[in-house]
Each structure stands twice: as C-alpha cells, then as structure tokens.
Amino acid sequence: MSTNFFTLVENQISQVEVLMKAQVNGHHPHLQVVLEHLVSSGGKRVRPAVALLTGGMLNADDDRLLKLAGSIEMLHTATLVHDDLIDGSLLRRGIPTLNAQWSPAATVLAGDYIFARAAAMAAQTDSIEVMQLFAETLATIVNGEIIQMFTSRGIASREDYFQRIYAKTASMFVLATESAALLSGVDEAVVVAVRQYGYEIGMAFQIVDDILDFTGSQSTVGKPVASDLRQGLVTLPAIYYQESHPDDEDMAAVLRGEYNHDTRMTRLVAAIRESGAIKKALDEAREFVERGLQTLENIPDSIERQALFEIGSYIVDRDV
C-alpha cells in the first residue's frame, strides 16, 4: 500500500507488528508460528493507521498509541480467524487460512488466544475508558455475527444491512478513532467528532468491500465472487438491485432462502453487475466518506489530518 497516509505511519506500523509478534513470547510454539503467519500474510493495516494518525493529530503519547494500534489490529486478526472458520473459507487474500490447516477446535482456540492478547495490549494503554470501549466493541462484533448467523439471511433490508456492517467493520474504526482521542486528553467535542469520522469511513469501507465482492475476481478478492450472496447475506448492491427489480425471480429465490443454486446465482450476480446498483452503492459510500471528512473541519490542520482526508479517498477508490 503506497498511499501517502500509510507512508506517514509506516515506521510506527512496523513497531506495531513487532509488538504483535511479541504477544506470544513464553507460550506454546504453535501459537508463535500462527501469529507470525497471520501478521506476515498481508492486510491493509488501515485500522491501526487510522488510530495512529488520529492520535498523532491530537498529540497522544506515542508509546500508548502504539499499544492501542497493536490491540486493534490483533482484535481484527482474531475476528478474521473466527470469520474464516464460520464461513468455511480456505483462502484469504489467496493465502490458506488457519482453518485450512488446523482443526476447527484448534482454530477457535487460536482465535480466542489472539482476542485475549489483544485485550492485554489494550490494557497496556493504562486507560480504563479505552479498555471499556475495547470490551464494548468486542461484544458488538460478536453480537453482530450471531445476529447475522441466525436472523439476517435472506433479508433485503437497509436497516439490517447497516446494523450488520456497523457491528462487523465500522465499530472497529470507531474504536480506533475514539480510543486515540481518549488517550489524547482532548475535550468531549473533539472525541465526538473523531468518533463520527471513524463511524462514517468504517461504514464506507465495508460498503466498498461489499461492492468488490461483486466486481472483483476470485483471484484478487481471495474468495468466490458474491460470496456473501451465496450464503444468503444481501449486501447493499443486491439491496439496490432488488429495489429496482422487484420481480426478478433469481433475487426472489435468494430471499426465500434458495441461494445454493449455482446457475441461478451466476445469472443473478451478472444481472447485478450490469445494473446501476453497483454505482448507486458506491455513491452511497462516497456520501459516508464526505460526512466523515466534514467532522474534521474544526480540528486544526496538520499532516495527520490531511492523511485522514486521504484515507477517505483511498477507501472509495481502492480496487481490492
């Protein structure tokens, strides 16, 4: 990722990765191998970058900020381990997932361990407020996964969709921005502003991910095209398509719970790609980003603030 905003925190991200790898010192050697693999297997590092830039903009203590960034990326890593197991994914970014190599029980335990070490890192910020927010975010993520598993399949509802992507993605961006502000000792108005920035860009980030789920190829996305829809999860492009094509029988079949028919699903994905639904979803992502950037208007200008603006452009312009 060669964007300017990442270059600004590149050295700090390297320090964050060192902190993450050190979290298994003195524990089972298999955990060392797993964490080395997970940390080294790529990832955009957008969440820790957002935390580092927000804290830098607001003059947070560097050491505490690094530990916050590490805890957030480890939390994200743990959720991916469990997500891949829940979804039965054998590849992520073209690399074999942990559950492709370990038993389900061992994979769950590894994810649990990473959650625990993430919490330990968050505690090293010496902020009760950050720890509380970390715990609330973890609860939000897990609750969202349970709701998605039991009640969200076959539902073409914007309300349901936005609740899901807040729990899945935006909540962690909120954790990154709000926690960085809490470590900075700024007044409540600034905390509220950067929290809202995290919410808006986090929502946009997941909308674009859901767009790429339709527009990308399996080789670049690292999983089957329209993988969510193939599991009965209706994301924003499909919601827009359903609204403009209420009589589409293939879409109606998905809403009835019939989403395992490969020919029908291939036809539906092609129809969604060829409709205006993709552009409409991207326009909505851009609106989220624009609202997010507006929240920073009253914060003094700095290179970190400019970088947070750049992240907005990156989110809606990325290809994978």
C-alpha atoms as a PDB file:
ATOM      1  CA  MET A   1       0.000   0.000   0.000  1.00  0.00           C
ATOM      2  CA  SER A   2       1.928   3.014  -1.258  1.00  0.00           C
ATOM      3  CA  THR A   3      -0.521   5.748  -0.333  1.00  0.00           C
ATOM      4  CA  ASN A   4       0.777   8.900   1.355  1.00  0.00           C
ATOM      5  CA  PHE A   5      -1.237   8.337   4.500  1.00  0.00           C
ATOM      6  CA  PHE A   6       0.382   4.941   5.050  1.00  0.00           C
ATOM      7  CA  THR A   7       3.886   6.254   4.386  1.00  0.00           C
ATOM      8  CA  LEU A   8       3.404   8.747   7.210  1.00  0.00           C
ATOM      9  CA  VAL A   9       2.942   5.955   9.779  1.00  0.00           C
ATOM     10  CA  GLU A  10       4.998   3.235   8.085  1.00  0.00           C
ATOM     11  CA  ASN A  11       7.686   3.147  10.777  1.00  0.00           C
ATOM     12  CA  GLN A  12       5.068   3.053  13.521  1.00  0.00           C
ATOM     13  CA  ILE A  13       3.227   0.206  11.786  1.00  0.00           C
ATOM     14  CA  SER A  14       6.488  -1.764  11.776  1.00  0.00           C
ATOM     15  CA  GLN A  15       6.765  -1.177  15.523  1.00  0.00           C
ATOM     16  CA  VAL A  16       3.151  -2.285  15.944  1.00  0.00           C
ATOM     17  CA  GLU A  17       3.906  -5.538  14.124  1.00  0.00           C
ATOM     18  CA  VAL A  18       6.879  -6.185  16.415  1.00  0.00           C
ATOM     19  CA  LEU A  19       4.616  -5.645  19.445  1.00  0.00           C
ATOM     20  CA  MET A  20       2.032  -8.030  17.997  1.00  0.00           C
ATOM     21  CA  LYS A  21       4.553 -10.803  17.353  1.00  0.00           C
ATOM     22  CA  ALA A  22       5.900 -10.420  20.897  1.00  0.00           C
ATOM     23  CA  GLN A  23       2.498 -11.240  22.376  1.00  0.00           C
ATOM     24  CA  VAL A  24       3.141 -14.997  22.230  1.00  0.00           C
ATOM     25  CA  ASN A  25       6.529 -14.990  23.951  1.00  0.00           C
ATOM     26  CA  GLY A  26       6.649 -17.760  26.535  1.00  0.00           C
ATOM     27  CA  HIS A  27       3.580 -19.545  25.167  1.00  0.00           C
ATOM     28  CA  HIS A  28       3.104 -22.635  23.001  1.00  0.00           C
ATOM     29  CA  PRO A  29       5.400 -22.601  19.937  1.00  0.00           C
ATOM     30  CA  HIS A  30       2.456 -23.371  17.635  1.00  0.00           C
ATOM     31  CA  LEU A  31       0.924 -20.038  18.676  1.00  0.00           C
ATOM     32  CA  GLN A  32       4.182 -18.300  17.733  1.00  0.00           C
ATOM     33  CA  VAL A  33       4.033 -19.873  14.268  1.00  0.00           C
ATOM     34  CA  VAL A  34       0.359 -18.952  13.852  1.00  0.00           C
ATOM     35  CA  LEU A  35       0.786 -15.320  14.851  1.00  0.00           C
ATOM     36  CA  GLU A  36       3.901 -14.941  12.684  1.00  0.00           C
ATOM     37  CA  HIS A  37       1.870 -16.335   9.776  1.00  0.00           C
ATOM     38  CA  LEU A  38      -1.130 -14.077  10.411  1.00  0.00           C
ATOM     39  CA  VAL A  39       0.922 -10.905  10.907  1.00  0.00           C
ATOM     40  CA  SER A  40       3.082 -11.617   7.861  1.00  0.00           C
ATOM     41  CA  SER A  41       0.267 -12.614   5.491  1.00  0.00           C
ATOM     42  CA  GLY A  42      -0.571  -9.085   4.461  1.00  0.00           C
ATOM     43  CA  GLY A  43      -3.545  -6.970   5.308  1.00  0.00           C
ATOM     44  CA  LYS A  44      -4.062  -3.301   4.733  1.00  0.00           C
ATOM     45  CA  ARG A  45      -3.343  -2.160   8.326  1.00  0.00           C
ATOM     46  CA  VAL A  46      -5.913   0.578   7.778  1.00  0.00           C
ATOM     47  CA  ARG A  47      -7.348   0.316  11.309  1.00  0.00           C
ATOM     48  CA  PRO A  48      -4.049   0.807  13.158  1.00  0.00           C
ATOM     49  CA  ALA A  49      -3.116   3.533  10.663  1.00  0.00           C
ATOM     50  CA  VAL A  50      -6.349   5.374  11.498  1.00  0.00           C
ATOM     51  CA  ALA A  51      -5.611   5.080  15.225  1.00  0.00           C
ATOM     52  CA  LEU A  52      -2.019   6.282  14.797  1.00  0.00           C
ATOM     53  CA  LEU A  53      -2.991   9.223  12.594  1.00  0.00           C
ATOM     54  CA  THR A  54      -5.853  10.276  14.890  1.00  0.00           C
ATOM     55  CA  GLY A  55      -3.597  10.103  17.926  1.00  0.00           C
ATOM     56  CA  GLY A  56      -0.829  11.933  16.075  1.00  0.00           C
ATOM     57  CA  MET A  57      -3.257  14.662  15.062  1.00  0.00           C
ATOM     58  CA  LEU A  58      -4.363  15.050  18.703  1.00  0.00           C
ATOM     59  CA  ASN A  59      -0.870  14.695  20.294  1.00  0.00           C
ATOM     60  CA  ALA A  60      -1.379  11.383  22.084  1.00  0.00           C
ATOM     61  CA  ASP A  61       1.557   9.700  23.826  1.00  0.00           C
ATOM     62  CA  ASP A  62       3.446   7.635  21.228  1.00  0.00           C
ATOM     63  CA  ASP A  63       4.024   4.541  23.386  1.00  0.00           C
ATOM     64  CA  ARG A  64       0.402   4.230  24.471  1.00  0.00           C
ATOM     65  CA  LEU A  65      -0.730   4.893  20.913  1.00  0.00           C
ATOM     66  CA  LEU A  66       1.421   2.059  19.543  1.00  0.00           C
ATOM     67  CA  LYS A  67      -0.112  -0.347  22.051  1.00  0.00           C
ATOM     68  CA  LEU A  68      -3.593   0.834  21.125  1.00  0.00           C
ATOM     69  CA  ALA A  69      -2.873   0.316  17.423  1.00  0.00           C
ATOM     70  CA  GLY A  70      -1.489  -3.156  18.132  1.00  0.00           C
ATOM     71  CA  SER A  71      -4.510  -4.150  20.182  1.00  0.00           C
ATOM     72  CA  ILE A  72      -6.878  -3.028  17.413  1.00  0.00           C
ATOM     73  CA  GLU A  73      -5.033  -4.941  14.698  1.00  0.00           C
ATOM     74  CA  MET A  74      -4.872  -8.039  16.882  1.00  0.00           C
ATOM     75  CA  LEU A  75      -8.602  -7.745  17.556  1.00  0.00           C
ATOM     76  CA  HIS A  76      -9.168  -7.500  13.804  1.00  0.00           C
ATOM     77  CA  THR A  77      -6.887 -10.505  13.210  1.00  0.00           C
ATOM     78  CA  ALA A  78      -8.788 -12.609  15.766  1.00  0.00           C
ATOM     79  CA  THR A  79     -12.123 -11.775  14.138  1.00  0.00           C
ATOM     80  CA  LEU A  80     -10.747 -12.896  10.761  1.00  0.00           C
ATOM     81  CA  VAL A  81      -9.637 -16.233  12.213  1.00  0.00           C
ATOM     82  CA  HIS A  82     -13.124 -16.892  13.535  1.00  0.00           C
ATOM     83  CA  ASP A  83     -14.863 -15.472  10.440  1.00  0.00           C
ATOM     84  CA  ASP A  84     -12.927 -17.785   8.133  1.00  0.00           C
ATOM     85  CA  LEU A  85     -13.908 -20.753  10.270  1.00  0.00           C
ATOM     86  CA  ILE A  86     -17.583 -19.727  10.390  1.00  0.00           C
ATOM     87  CA  ASP A  87     -17.660 -19.161   6.622  1.00  0.00           C
ATOM     88  CA  GLY A  88     -15.630 -22.260   5.804  1.00  0.00           C
ATOM     89  CA  SER A  89     -13.128 -20.090   3.913  1.00  0.00           C
ATOM     90  CA  LEU A  90      -9.937 -21.894   2.912  1.00  0.00           C
ATOM     91  CA  LEU A  91      -8.254 -18.852   1.380  1.00  0.00           C
ATOM     92  CA  ARG A  92      -7.862 -15.209   2.390  1.00  0.00           C
ATOM     93  CA  ARG A  93      -6.019 -12.875   0.007  1.00  0.00           C
ATOM     94  CA  GLY A  94      -5.003 -16.025  -1.853  1.00  0.00           C
ATOM     95  CA  ILE A  95      -3.252 -17.484   1.209  1.00  0.00           C
ATOM     96  CA  PRO A  96      -4.507 -20.601   3.051  1.00  0.00           C
ATOM     97  CA  THR A  97      -6.477 -19.674   6.158  1.00  0.00           C
ATOM     98  CA  LEU A  98      -5.700 -21.106   9.578  1.00  0.00           C
ATOM     99  CA  ASN A  99      -8.732 -23.383   9.475  1.00  0.00           C
ATOM    100  CA  ALA A 100      -7.476 -24.831   6.181  1.00  0.00           C
ATOM    101  CA  GLN A 101      -4.527 -26.194   8.150  1.00  0.00           C
ATOM    102  CA  TRP A 102      -5.852 -26.746  11.689  1.00  0.00           C
ATOM    103  CA  SER A 103      -8.891 -28.493  13.129  1.00  0.00           C
ATOM    104  CA  PRO A 104     -11.946 -26.335  13.959  1.00  0.00           C
ATOM    105  CA  ALA A 105     -11.257 -26.715  17.694  1.00  0.00           C
ATOM    106  CA  ALA A 106      -7.634 -25.609  17.362  1.00  0.00           C
ATOM    107  CA  THR A 107      -8.670 -22.690  15.134  1.00  0.00           C
ATOM    108  CA  VAL A 108     -11.233 -21.478  17.674  1.00  0.00           C
ATOM    109  CA  LEU A 109      -8.672 -21.681  20.468  1.00  0.00           C
ATOM    110  CA  ALA A 110      -6.109 -19.763  18.409  1.00  0.00           C
ATOM    111  CA  GLY A 111      -8.667 -17.023  17.735  1.00  0.00           C
ATOM    112  CA  ASP A 112      -9.571 -16.920  21.423  1.00  0.00           C
ATOM    113  CA  TYR A 113      -5.903 -16.583  22.330  1.00  0.00           C
ATOM    114  CA  ILE A 114      -5.440 -13.660  19.944  1.00  0.00           C
ATOM    115  CA  PHE A 115      -8.550 -11.960  21.400  1.00  0.00           C
ATOM    116  CA  ALA A 116      -7.038 -12.325  24.878  1.00  0.00           C
ATOM    117  CA  ARG A 117      -3.676 -10.912  23.824  1.00  0.00           C
ATOM    118  CA  ALA A 118      -5.432  -8.035  22.062  1.00  0.00           C
ATOM    119  CA  ALA A 119      -7.199  -7.192  25.325  1.00  0.00           C
ATOM    120  CA  ALA A 120      -3.895  -7.405  27.200  1.00  0.00           C
ATOM    121  CA  MET A 121      -2.362  -4.898  24.791  1.00  0.00           C
ATOM    122  CA  ALA A 122      -5.348  -2.587  25.171  1.00  0.00           C
ATOM    123  CA  ALA A 123      -4.847  -2.723  28.952  1.00  0.00           C
ATOM    124  CA  GLN A 124      -1.266  -1.535  28.463  1.00  0.00           C
ATOM    125  CA  THR A 125      -2.636   1.855  27.392  1.00  0.00           C
ATOM    126  CA  ASP A 126      -3.425   2.360  31.118  1.00  0.00           C
ATOM    127  CA  SER A 127      -6.838   3.782  30.224  1.00  0.00           C
ATOM    128  CA  ILE A 128      -9.984   2.381  31.815  1.00  0.00           C
ATOM    129  CA  GLU A 129     -12.026   4.231  29.169  1.00  0.00           C
ATOM    130  CA  VAL A 130     -10.111   2.557  26.348  1.00  0.00           C
ATOM    131  CA  MET A 131     -10.491  -0.862  27.967  1.00  0.00           C
ATOM    132  CA  GLN A 132     -14.224  -0.318  28.372  1.00  0.00           C
ATOM    133  CA  LEU A 133     -14.585   0.740  24.743  1.00  0.00           C
ATOM    134  CA  PHE A 134     -12.486  -2.245  23.638  1.00  0.00           C
ATOM    135  CA  ALA A 135     -14.764  -4.642  25.549  1.00  0.00           C
ATOM    136  CA  GLU A 136     -17.902  -2.988  24.175  1.00  0.00           C
ATOM    137  CA  THR A 137     -16.544  -3.224  20.633  1.00  0.00           C
ATOM    138  CA  LEU A 138     -15.759  -6.919  21.001  1.00  0.00           C
ATOM    139  CA  ALA A 139     -19.290  -7.526  22.305  1.00  0.00           C
ATOM    140  CA  THR A 140     -20.734  -5.553  19.362  1.00  0.00           C
ATOM    141  CA  ILE A 141     -18.740  -7.603  16.849  1.00  0.00           C
ATOM    142  CA  VAL A 142     -19.751 -10.965  18.339  1.00  0.00           C
ATOM    143  CA  ASN A 143     -23.398  -9.930  18.744  1.00  0.00           C
ATOM    144  CA  GLY A 144     -23.420  -8.835  15.099  1.00  0.00           C
ATOM    145  CA  GLU A 145     -22.043 -12.197  13.988  1.00  0.00           C
ATOM    146  CA  ILE A 146     -24.732 -14.054  15.962  1.00  0.00           C
ATOM    147  CA  ILE A 147     -27.495 -11.866  14.508  1.00  0.00           C
ATOM    148  CA  GLN A 148     -26.081 -12.449  11.009  1.00  0.00           C
ATOM    149  CA  MET A 149     -25.942 -16.195  11.596  1.00  0.00           C
ATOM    150  CA  PHE A 150     -29.469 -16.589  12.943  1.00  0.00           C
ATOM    151  CA  THR A 151     -31.641 -13.791  11.551  1.00  0.00           C
ATOM    152  CA  SER A 152     -30.070 -11.887   8.631  1.00  0.00           C
ATOM    153  CA  ARG A 153     -30.017 -14.438   5.832  1.00  0.00           C
ATOM    154  CA  GLY A 154     -32.475 -13.749   3.041  1.00  0.00           C
ATOM    155  CA  ILE A 155     -33.295 -10.242   4.299  1.00  0.00           C
ATOM    156  CA  ALA A 156     -33.049  -7.324   1.835  1.00  0.00           C
ATOM    157  CA  SER A 157     -33.252  -4.521   4.392  1.00  0.00           C
ATOM    158  CA  ARG A 158     -31.127  -1.414   4.533  1.00  0.00           C
ATOM    159  CA  GLU A 159     -31.664  -1.196   8.290  1.00  0.00           C
ATOM    160  CA  ASP A 160     -30.495  -4.770   8.825  1.00  0.00           C
ATOM    161  CA  TYR A 161     -27.559  -4.228   6.463  1.00  0.00           C
ATOM    162  CA  PHE A 162     -26.324  -1.062   8.155  1.00  0.00           C
ATOM    163  CA  GLN A 163     -26.588  -2.674  11.581  1.00  0.00           C
ATOM    164  CA  ARG A 164     -24.549  -5.614  10.303  1.00  0.00           C
ATOM    165  CA  ILE A 165     -21.764  -3.565   8.766  1.00  0.00           C
ATOM    166  CA  TYR A 166     -21.539  -1.317  11.826  1.00  0.00           C
ATOM    167  CA  ALA A 167     -21.017  -4.388  14.012  1.00  0.00           C
ATOM    168  CA  LYS A 168     -18.671  -6.080  11.550  1.00  0.00           C
ATOM    169  CA  THR A 169     -16.475  -3.177  10.476  1.00  0.00           C
ATOM    170  CA  ALA A 170     -17.401   0.363  11.478  1.00  0.00           C
ATOM    171  CA  SER A 171     -17.337  -0.412  15.210  1.00  0.00           C
ATOM    172  CA  MET A 172     -13.618  -1.155  14.952  1.00  0.00           C
ATOM    173  CA  PHE A 173     -12.943   2.125  13.134  1.00  0.00           C
ATOM    174  CA  VAL A 174     -14.861   3.881  15.920  1.00  0.00           C
ATOM    175  CA  LEU A 175     -12.662   2.058  18.441  1.00  0.00           C
ATOM    176  CA  ALA A 176      -9.568   3.285  16.589  1.00  0.00           C
ATOM    177  CA  THR A 177     -10.558   6.955  16.451  1.00  0.00           C
ATOM    178  CA  GLU A 178     -12.361   7.337  19.767  1.00  0.00           C
ATOM    179  CA  SER A 179      -9.687   5.477  21.760  1.00  0.00           C
ATOM    180  CA  ALA A 180      -6.932   7.574  20.192  1.00  0.00           C
ATOM    181  CA  ALA A 181      -8.835  10.697  21.212  1.00  0.00           C
ATOM    182  CA  LEU A 182      -9.319   9.373  24.755  1.00  0.00           C
ATOM    183  CA  LEU A 183      -5.554   8.863  25.025  1.00  0.00           C
ATOM    184  CA  SER A 184      -5.004  12.443  23.871  1.00  0.00           C
ATOM    185  CA  GLY A 185      -6.900  14.171  26.676  1.00  0.00           C
ATOM    186  CA  VAL A 186      -8.908  16.341  24.273  1.00  0.00           C
ATOM    187  CA  ASP A 187     -12.310  17.769  25.128  1.00  0.00           C
ATOM    188  CA  GLU A 188     -15.541  15.883  24.549  1.00  0.00           C
ATOM    189  CA  ALA A 189     -16.430  17.746  21.348  1.00  0.00           C
ATOM    190  CA  VAL A 190     -13.254  16.508  19.661  1.00  0.00           C
ATOM    191  CA  VAL A 191     -13.848  12.950  20.894  1.00  0.00           C
ATOM    192  CA  VAL A 192     -17.349  13.044  19.404  1.00  0.00           C
ATOM    193  CA  ALA A 193     -16.037  14.465  16.112  1.00  0.00           C
ATOM    194  CA  VAL A 194     -13.352  11.833  15.541  1.00  0.00           C
ATOM    195  CA  ARG A 195     -15.688   9.070  16.707  1.00  0.00           C
ATOM    196  CA  GLN A 196     -18.134  10.150  13.994  1.00  0.00           C
ATOM    197  CA  TYR A 197     -15.287  10.221  11.464  1.00  0.00           C
ATOM    198  CA  GLY A 198     -14.476   6.615  12.388  1.00  0.00           C
ATOM    199  CA  TYR A 199     -18.109   5.599  12.028  1.00  0.00           C
ATOM    200  CA  GLU A 200     -18.569   7.197   8.605  1.00  0.00           C
ATOM    201  CA  ILE A 201     -15.364   5.907   6.999  1.00  0.00           C
ATOM    202  CA  GLY A 202     -15.865   2.489   8.585  1.00  0.00           C
ATOM    203  CA  MET A 203     -19.319   2.192   7.043  1.00  0.00           C
ATOM    204  CA  ALA A 204     -17.919   3.306   3.684  1.00  0.00           C
ATOM    205  CA  PHE A 205     -15.072   0.799   3.965  1.00  0.00           C
ATOM    206  CA  GLN A 206     -17.460  -2.139   4.322  1.00  0.00           C
ATOM    207  CA  ILE A 207     -19.791  -0.913   1.574  1.00  0.00           C
ATOM    208  CA  VAL A 208     -16.819  -0.822  -0.807  1.00  0.00           C
ATOM    209  CA  ASP A 209     -15.749  -4.298   0.353  1.00  0.00           C
ATOM    210  CA  ASP A 210     -19.257  -5.485  -0.481  1.00  0.00           C
ATOM    211  CA  ILE A 211     -19.051  -3.848  -3.901  1.00  0.00           C
ATOM    212  CA  LEU A 212     -15.713  -5.549  -4.558  1.00  0.00           C
ATOM    213  CA  ASP A 213     -17.359  -8.838  -3.613  1.00  0.00           C
ATOM    214  CA  PHE A 214     -19.343  -8.415  -6.850  1.00  0.00           C
ATOM    215  CA  THR A 215     -16.883  -6.636  -9.109  1.00  0.00           C
ATOM    216  CA  GLY A 216     -13.614  -8.356  -8.226  1.00  0.00           C
ATOM    217  CA  SER A 217     -12.362 -11.709  -9.464  1.00  0.00           C
ATOM    218  CA  GLN A 218     -11.867 -14.690  -7.182  1.00  0.00           C
ATOM    219  CA  SER A 219      -8.088 -14.448  -7.669  1.00  0.00           C
ATOM    220  CA  THR A 220      -7.955 -10.823  -6.483  1.00  0.00           C
ATOM    221  CA  VAL A 221     -10.646 -10.910  -3.801  1.00  0.00           C
ATOM    222  CA  GLY A 222      -9.332 -14.238  -2.497  1.00  0.00           C
ATOM    223  CA  LYS A 223     -12.749 -15.872  -2.213  1.00  0.00           C
ATOM    224  CA  PRO A 224     -15.651 -16.746  -4.552  1.00  0.00           C
ATOM    225  CA  VAL A 225     -17.322 -13.766  -6.258  1.00  0.00           C
ATOM    226  CA  ALA A 226     -20.509 -12.700  -4.435  1.00  0.00           C
ATOM    227  CA  SER A 227     -19.593 -14.953  -1.527  1.00  0.00           C
ATOM    228  CA  ASP A 228     -21.985 -13.159   0.844  1.00  0.00           C
ATOM    229  CA  LEU A 229     -24.957 -13.535  -1.501  1.00  0.00           C
ATOM    230  CA  ARG A 230     -24.079 -17.202  -1.950  1.00  0.00           C
ATOM    231  CA  GLN A 231     -24.585 -17.516   1.821  1.00  0.00           C
ATOM    232  CA  GLY A 232     -27.895 -15.662   1.706  1.00  0.00           C
ATOM    233  CA  LEU A 233     -26.473 -12.362   3.010  1.00  0.00           C
ATOM    234  CA  VAL A 234     -27.900  -9.479   0.999  1.00  0.00           C
ATOM    235  CA  THR A 235     -25.470  -6.559   0.833  1.00  0.00           C
ATOM    236  CA  LEU A 236     -26.057  -3.035  -0.467  1.00  0.00           C
ATOM    237  CA  PRO A 237     -25.557  -3.674  -4.220  1.00  0.00           C
ATOM    238  CA  ALA A 238     -28.065  -6.546  -4.048  1.00  0.00           C
ATOM    239  CA  ILE A 239     -30.478  -4.454  -1.957  1.00  0.00           C
ATOM    240  CA  TYR A 240     -30.426  -1.695  -4.583  1.00  0.00           C
ATOM    241  CA  TYR A 241     -30.894  -4.279  -7.332  1.00  0.00           C
ATOM    242  CA  GLN A 242     -33.866  -5.820  -5.524  1.00  0.00           C
ATOM    243  CA  GLU A 243     -35.464  -2.397  -5.074  1.00  0.00           C
ATOM    244  CA  SER A 244     -35.219  -1.642  -8.800  1.00  0.00           C
ATOM    245  CA  HIS A 245     -36.018  -5.202  -9.966  1.00  0.00           C
ATOM    246  CA  PRO A 246     -38.706  -6.413  -7.527  1.00  0.00           C
ATOM    247  CA  ASP A 247     -39.914  -9.083  -9.976  1.00  0.00           C
ATOM    248  CA  ASP A 248     -36.530 -10.742 -10.558  1.00  0.00           C
ATOM    249  CA  GLU A 249     -37.149 -14.427  -9.829  1.00  0.00           C
ATOM    250  CA  ASP A 250     -33.498 -15.175  -9.099  1.00  0.00           C
ATOM    251  CA  MET A 251     -33.435 -12.487  -6.418  1.00  0.00           C
ATOM    252  CA  ALA A 252     -36.772 -13.674  -5.061  1.00  0.00           C
ATOM    253  CA  ALA A 253     -35.293 -17.168  -4.712  1.00  0.00           C
ATOM    254  CA  VAL A 254     -32.444 -15.790  -2.570  1.00  0.00           C
ATOM    255  CA  LEU A 255     -34.956 -14.037  -0.329  1.00  0.00           C
ATOM    256  CA  ARG A 256     -36.810 -17.351   0.044  1.00  0.00           C
ATOM    257  CA  GLY A 257     -33.606 -18.968   1.243  1.00  0.00           C
ATOM    258  CA  GLU A 258     -32.771 -20.696  -2.038  1.00  0.00           C
ATOM    259  CA  TYR A 259     -29.228 -19.460  -2.556  1.00  0.00           C
ATOM    260  CA  ASN A 260     -27.381 -22.720  -3.297  1.00  0.00           C
ATOM    261  CA  HIS A 261     -28.374 -22.979  -6.965  1.00  0.00           C
ATOM    262  CA  ASP A 262     -25.160 -22.166  -8.824  1.00  0.00           C
ATOM    263  CA  THR A 263     -26.648 -21.409 -12.268  1.00  0.00           C
ATOM    264  CA  ARG A 264     -29.285 -19.125 -10.816  1.00  0.00           C
ATOM    265  CA  MET A 265     -26.727 -17.358  -8.612  1.00  0.00           C
ATOM    266  CA  THR A 266     -24.305 -16.833 -11.506  1.00  0.00           C
ATOM    267  CA  ARG A 267     -27.125 -15.281 -13.520  1.00  0.00           C
ATOM    268  CA  LEU A 268     -28.134 -13.015 -10.614  1.00  0.00           C
ATOM    269  CA  VAL A 269     -24.575 -11.830  -9.995  1.00  0.00           C
ATOM    270  CA  ALA A 270     -24.216 -10.940 -13.681  1.00  0.00           C
ATOM    271  CA  ALA A 271     -27.501  -9.020 -13.568  1.00  0.00           C
ATOM    272  CA  ILE A 272     -26.408  -7.052 -10.507  1.00  0.00           C
ATOM    273  CA  ARG A 273     -23.072  -6.232 -12.142  1.00  0.00           C
ATOM    274  CA  GLU A 274     -24.810  -4.979 -15.278  1.00  0.00           C
ATOM    275  CA  SER A 275     -27.377  -2.869 -13.405  1.00  0.00           C
ATOM    276  CA  GLY A 276     -26.918   0.545 -11.840  1.00  0.00           C
ATOM    277  CA  ALA A 277     -26.832  -0.988  -8.356  1.00  0.00           C
ATOM    278  CA  ILE A 278     -23.032  -1.040  -8.112  1.00  0.00           C
ATOM    279  CA  LYS A 279     -22.718   2.667  -8.939  1.00  0.00           C
ATOM    280  CA  LYS A 280     -25.533   3.536  -6.556  1.00  0.00           C
ATOM    281  CA  ALA A 281     -23.829   1.660  -3.718  1.00  0.00           C
ATOM    282  CA  LEU A 282     -20.508   3.367  -4.472  1.00  0.00           C
ATOM    283  CA  ASP A 283     -22.229   6.764  -4.468  1.00  0.00           C
ATOM    284  CA  GLU A 284     -23.582   5.956  -1.020  1.00  0.00           C
ATOM    285  CA  ALA A 285     -20.089   5.007   0.184  1.00  0.00           C
ATOM    286  CA  ARG A 286     -18.817   8.361  -1.090  1.00  0.00           C
ATOM    287  CA  GLU A 287     -21.572  10.121   0.879  1.00  0.00           C
ATOM    288  CA  PHE A 288     -20.450   8.365   4.059  1.00  0.00           C
ATOM    289  CA  VAL A 289     -16.859   9.462   3.412  1.00  0.00           C
ATOM    290  CA  GLU A 290     -17.916  13.042   2.740  1.00  0.00           C
ATOM    291  CA  ARG A 291     -19.806  13.188   6.040  1.00  0.00           C
ATOM    292  CA  GLY A 292     -16.755  11.760   7.762  1.00  0.00           C
ATOM    293  CA  LEU A 293     -14.436  14.394   6.341  1.00  0.00           C
ATOM    294  CA  GLN A 294     -16.810  17.151   7.431  1.00  0.00           C
ATOM    295  CA  THR A 295     -16.395  16.068  11.062  1.00  0.00           C
ATOM    296  CA  LEU A 296     -12.708  17.035  10.913  1.00  0.00           C
ATOM    297  CA  GLU A 297     -13.301  20.559   9.651  1.00  0.00           C
ATOM    298  CA  ASN A 298     -12.966  22.231  13.066  1.00  0.00           C
ATOM    299  CA  ILE A 299      -9.785  20.380  14.028  1.00  0.00           C
ATOM    300  CA  PRO A 300      -6.538  22.340  13.380  1.00  0.00           C
ATOM    301  CA  ASP A 301      -4.790  21.387  10.173  1.00  0.00           C
ATOM    302  CA  SER A 302      -1.803  19.027  10.325  1.00  0.00           C
ATOM    303  CA  ILE A 303      -0.148  16.408   8.163  1.00  0.00           C
ATOM    304  CA  GLU A 304      -2.031  13.753  10.131  1.00  0.00           C
ATOM    305  CA  ARG A 305      -5.357  15.484   9.480  1.00  0.00           C
ATOM    306  CA  GLN A 306      -4.552  15.638   5.775  1.00  0.00           C
ATOM    307  CA  ALA A 307      -3.698  11.948   5.877  1.00  0.00           C
ATOM    308  CA  LEU A 308      -7.087  11.163   7.428  1.00  0.00           C
ATOM    309  CA  PHE A 309      -8.654  13.005   4.487  1.00  0.00           C
ATOM    310  CA  GLU A 310      -6.567  10.861   2.115  1.00  0.00           C
ATOM    311  CA  ILE A 311      -7.865   7.701   3.766  1.00  0.00           C
ATOM    312  CA  GLY A 312     -11.359   8.719   2.694  1.00  0.00           C
ATOM    313  CA  SER A 313     -10.259   8.853  -0.943  1.00  0.00           C
ATOM    314  CA  TYR A 314      -8.382   5.571  -0.601  1.00  0.00           C
ATOM    315  CA  ILE A 315     -11.435   3.787   0.797  1.00  0.00           C
ATOM    316  CA  VAL A 316     -13.703   4.589  -2.132  1.00  0.00           C
ATOM    317  CA  ASP A 317     -11.058   4.364  -4.876  1.00  0.00           C
ATOM    318  CA  ARG A 318      -9.349   1.067  -3.961  1.00  0.00           C
ATOM    319  CA  ASP A 319      -9.561  -1.917  -6.280  1.00  0.00           C
ATOM    320  CA  VAL A 320      -9.043  -4.745  -3.759  1.00  0.00           C
END
